[in-house]
Amino acid sequence: MADIEVIHASVSGGKVTSLEVRMVGIAPRTIDRATALQWLAGGHSLIPVSGHGHHSVRGAALERVEVGEAHFLRTDTEVVAEDHVSFPAVGH
């Protein structure tokens, strides 16, 4: 199972359209919502990250939340039929 950092999320109409992700030793890449849901179902961790290098801050992991028959990407795990990605604040 991989620990995958999410460095950018694009959301439109309450659904993630893409996530920019990175893994140790691999250049960042962009994945779609379906891929993110598959990776979560496979046991991978998607962790929103803010900042750079030694000043990066990891936030709450994205969870695959089931609402009826549909699945949503949420960092707050609320049972709401829309995606929600929250990045941590960076500061001193």
Protein backbone atom coordinates (compact mmCIF):
# COMPACT_ATOMS: atom_id res chain seq x y z
CA MET A 1 0.00 0.00 0.00
CA ALA A 2 1.28 3.42 -0.94
CA ASP A 3 1.31 6.65 1.03
CA ILE A 4 0.29 9.16 -1.65
CA GLU A 5 0.48 12.91 -1.11
CA VAL A 6 -2.21 15.09 -2.69
CA ILE A 7 -0.69 18.47 -3.60
CA HIS A 8 -3.61 19.96 -5.56
CA ALA A 9 -7.30 19.20 -6.07
CA SER A 10 -9.67 20.52 -8.72
CA VAL A 11 -13.33 20.37 -7.71
CA SER A 12 -16.30 21.35 -9.86
CA GLY A 13 -19.98 20.93 -9.08
CA GLY A 14 -19.24 19.13 -5.80
CA LYS A 15 -17.04 16.47 -7.43
CA VAL A 16 -13.29 16.16 -7.74
CA THR A 17 -12.28 16.45 -11.38
CA SER A 18 -8.59 15.76 -10.78
CA LEU A 19 -5.96 15.37 -8.07
CA GLU A 20 -2.27 16.14 -8.47
CA VAL A 21 -0.43 13.52 -6.46
CA ARG A 22 3.14 12.52 -5.69
CA MET A 23 4.89 9.53 -4.19
CA VAL A 24 8.45 9.29 -2.89
CA GLY A 25 10.87 9.00 -5.79
CA ILE A 26 8.22 9.53 -8.49
CA ALA A 27 7.40 12.78 -10.30
CA PRO A 28 3.97 14.29 -9.54
CA ARG A 29 1.13 13.12 -11.75
CA THR A 30 -2.54 13.92 -12.20
CA ILE A 31 -5.23 11.33 -11.57
CA ASP A 32 -8.99 11.45 -12.04
CA ARG A 33 -11.71 10.88 -9.47
CA ALA A 34 -12.32 7.26 -10.49
CA THR A 35 -8.63 6.42 -10.02
CA ALA A 36 -8.60 8.07 -6.58
CA LEU A 37 -11.64 6.04 -5.51
CA GLN A 38 -10.00 2.84 -6.82
CA TRP A 39 -6.76 3.56 -4.98
CA LEU A 40 -8.65 4.17 -1.72
CA ALA A 41 -10.61 0.93 -2.20
CA GLY A 42 -7.27 -0.83 -2.70
CA GLY A 43 -5.99 0.37 0.67
CA HIS A 44 -3.76 3.27 -0.41
CA SER A 45 -3.65 6.48 1.63
CA LEU A 46 -4.30 9.83 -0.06
CA ILE A 47 -3.02 12.62 2.21
CA PRO A 48 -3.55 16.32 1.36
CA VAL A 49 -0.27 18.21 1.86
CA SER A 50 0.50 21.95 1.97
CA GLY A 51 3.89 23.64 1.86
CA HIS A 52 7.20 22.37 0.51
CA GLY A 53 10.17 20.37 1.71
CA HIS A 54 10.80 20.53 5.45
CA HIS A 55 7.93 23.03 5.77
CA SER A 56 5.24 20.72 4.44
CA VAL A 57 2.21 19.92 6.58
CA ARG A 58 0.08 16.80 6.18
CA GLY A 59 -3.66 17.03 6.66
CA ALA A 60 -6.45 14.55 7.30
CA ALA A 61 -6.53 11.64 4.88
CA LEU A 62 -9.10 11.44 2.12
CA GLU A 63 -11.68 8.80 2.85
CA ARG A 64 -13.98 6.90 0.52
CA VAL A 65 -17.42 7.74 1.94
CA GLU A 66 -20.46 5.75 0.84
CA VAL A 67 -23.74 7.65 0.41
CA GLY A 68 -26.41 5.27 -0.82
CA GLU A 69 -24.88 3.40 -3.77
CA ALA A 70 -22.39 6.18 -4.61
CA HIS A 71 -18.90 6.88 -3.23
CA PHE A 72 -17.40 10.26 -2.47
CA LEU A 73 -13.94 11.60 -1.60
CA ARG A 74 -14.01 13.43 1.73
CA THR A 75 -11.47 14.57 4.33
CA ASP A 76 -14.15 15.17 6.97
CA THR A 77 -15.88 11.73 6.59
CA GLU A 78 -19.35 13.32 6.75
CA VAL A 79 -22.05 11.35 4.92
CA VAL A 80 -22.77 14.04 2.32
CA ALA A 81 -23.27 13.38 -1.41
CA GLU A 82 -20.40 15.55 -2.64
CA ASP A 83 -16.63 15.47 -2.57
CA HIS A 84 -14.77 17.58 0.01
CA VAL A 85 -10.98 18.00 0.02
CA SER A 86 -9.43 20.16 2.73
CA PHE A 87 -5.74 21.09 2.76
CA PRO A 88 -3.96 21.92 6.03
CA ALA A 89 -2.99 25.51 6.81
CA VAL A 90 0.70 26.30 6.64
CA GLY A 91 2.14 28.72 9.15
CA HIS A 92 4.54 29.21 12.01
